[in-house]
Amino acid sequence: MYRTSVNSSNIQSIGYDPQSSVLEVEFTSGDVYQYFNVPEYLYQQFLQASSHGQFLNDNIRYNYRYQKTS
């Protein structure tokens, strides 16, 4: 999945697959997580957020099932 680099102290890049509604987040630690059934509009808001880490915590992390992939 292609990921877009973002300017964040904790997040390296963010990607999204609209066919499967999977959001992928790569952290600066190198860990990659996939979040499932995330609406595309939320991904777009995530990309535009002034604080990506805060947006992840407030809107995604505790609301969607996820798995660590690496």
Protein backbone atom coordinates (compact mmCIF):
# COMPACT_ATOMS: atom_id res chain seq x y z
CA MET A 1 0.00 0.00 0.00
CA TYR A 2 1.29 3.44 -0.90
CA ARG A 3 1.68 5.73 2.13
CA THR A 4 2.02 9.50 2.21
CA SER A 5 4.71 10.97 4.46
CA VAL A 6 3.40 13.37 7.10
CA ASN A 7 4.99 15.95 9.36
CA SER A 8 4.53 14.42 12.80
CA SER A 9 6.71 13.60 15.79
CA ASN A 10 5.22 10.07 16.08
CA ILE A 11 3.83 9.18 12.65
CA GLN A 12 6.03 8.67 9.58
CA SER A 13 3.38 7.98 6.93
CA ILE A 14 -0.31 7.25 6.33
CA GLY A 15 -1.89 5.11 3.62
CA TYR A 16 -5.38 4.04 2.66
CA ASP A 17 -6.93 1.36 0.45
CA PRO A 18 -10.44 2.48 -0.56
CA GLN A 19 -11.42 -0.99 -1.85
CA SER A 20 -10.88 -2.66 1.53
CA SER A 21 -11.33 0.46 3.74
CA VAL A 22 -7.98 -0.26 5.41
CA LEU A 23 -6.01 2.61 6.89
CA GLU A 24 -2.29 1.96 7.38
CA VAL A 25 -0.15 4.00 9.76
CA GLU A 26 3.64 3.79 9.94
CA PHE A 27 5.07 5.21 13.15
CA THR A 28 8.53 6.76 13.46
CA SER A 29 9.53 3.67 15.46
CA GLY A 30 9.05 1.61 12.30
CA ASP A 31 5.92 -0.14 13.58
CA VAL A 32 3.08 -0.38 11.05
CA TYR A 33 -0.57 -0.78 12.05
CA GLN A 34 -3.61 -1.43 9.90
CA TYR A 35 -7.02 -0.13 10.98
CA PHE A 36 -10.07 -1.81 9.45
CA ASN A 37 -13.37 -0.46 8.08
CA VAL A 38 -12.22 3.15 8.26
CA PRO A 39 -14.31 5.47 6.04
CA GLU A 40 -12.39 7.31 3.34
CA TYR A 41 -13.57 10.71 4.60
CA LEU A 42 -11.84 9.98 7.92
CA TYR A 43 -8.60 9.17 6.10
CA GLN A 44 -8.84 12.51 4.26
CA GLN A 45 -9.43 14.35 7.55
CA PHE A 46 -6.48 12.48 9.08
CA LEU A 47 -4.17 13.65 6.27
CA GLN A 48 -5.28 17.27 6.75
CA ALA A 49 -5.16 17.27 10.57
CA SER A 50 -2.92 19.81 12.26
CA SER A 51 -1.87 17.10 14.75
CA HIS A 52 -1.83 13.63 13.22
CA GLY A 53 -1.11 11.91 16.54
CA GLN A 54 -3.99 13.68 18.29
CA PHE A 55 -6.35 12.90 15.41
CA LEU A 56 -5.36 9.22 15.51
CA ASN A 57 -6.00 9.04 19.25
CA ASP A 58 -9.28 10.97 19.14
CA ASN A 59 -10.89 9.45 16.06
CA ILE A 60 -9.30 6.16 15.02
CA ARG A 61 -7.22 4.25 17.55
CA TYR A 62 -10.01 3.34 19.96
CA ASN A 63 -12.86 3.22 17.43
CA TYR A 64 -11.60 0.73 14.84
CA ARG A 65 -10.24 -2.80 14.99
CA TYR A 66 -6.53 -2.91 14.19
CA GLN A 67 -3.52 -5.17 13.92
CA LYS A 68 0.20 -4.61 13.98
CA THR A 69 1.76 -5.75 10.71
CA SER A 70 5.45 -5.05 11.41
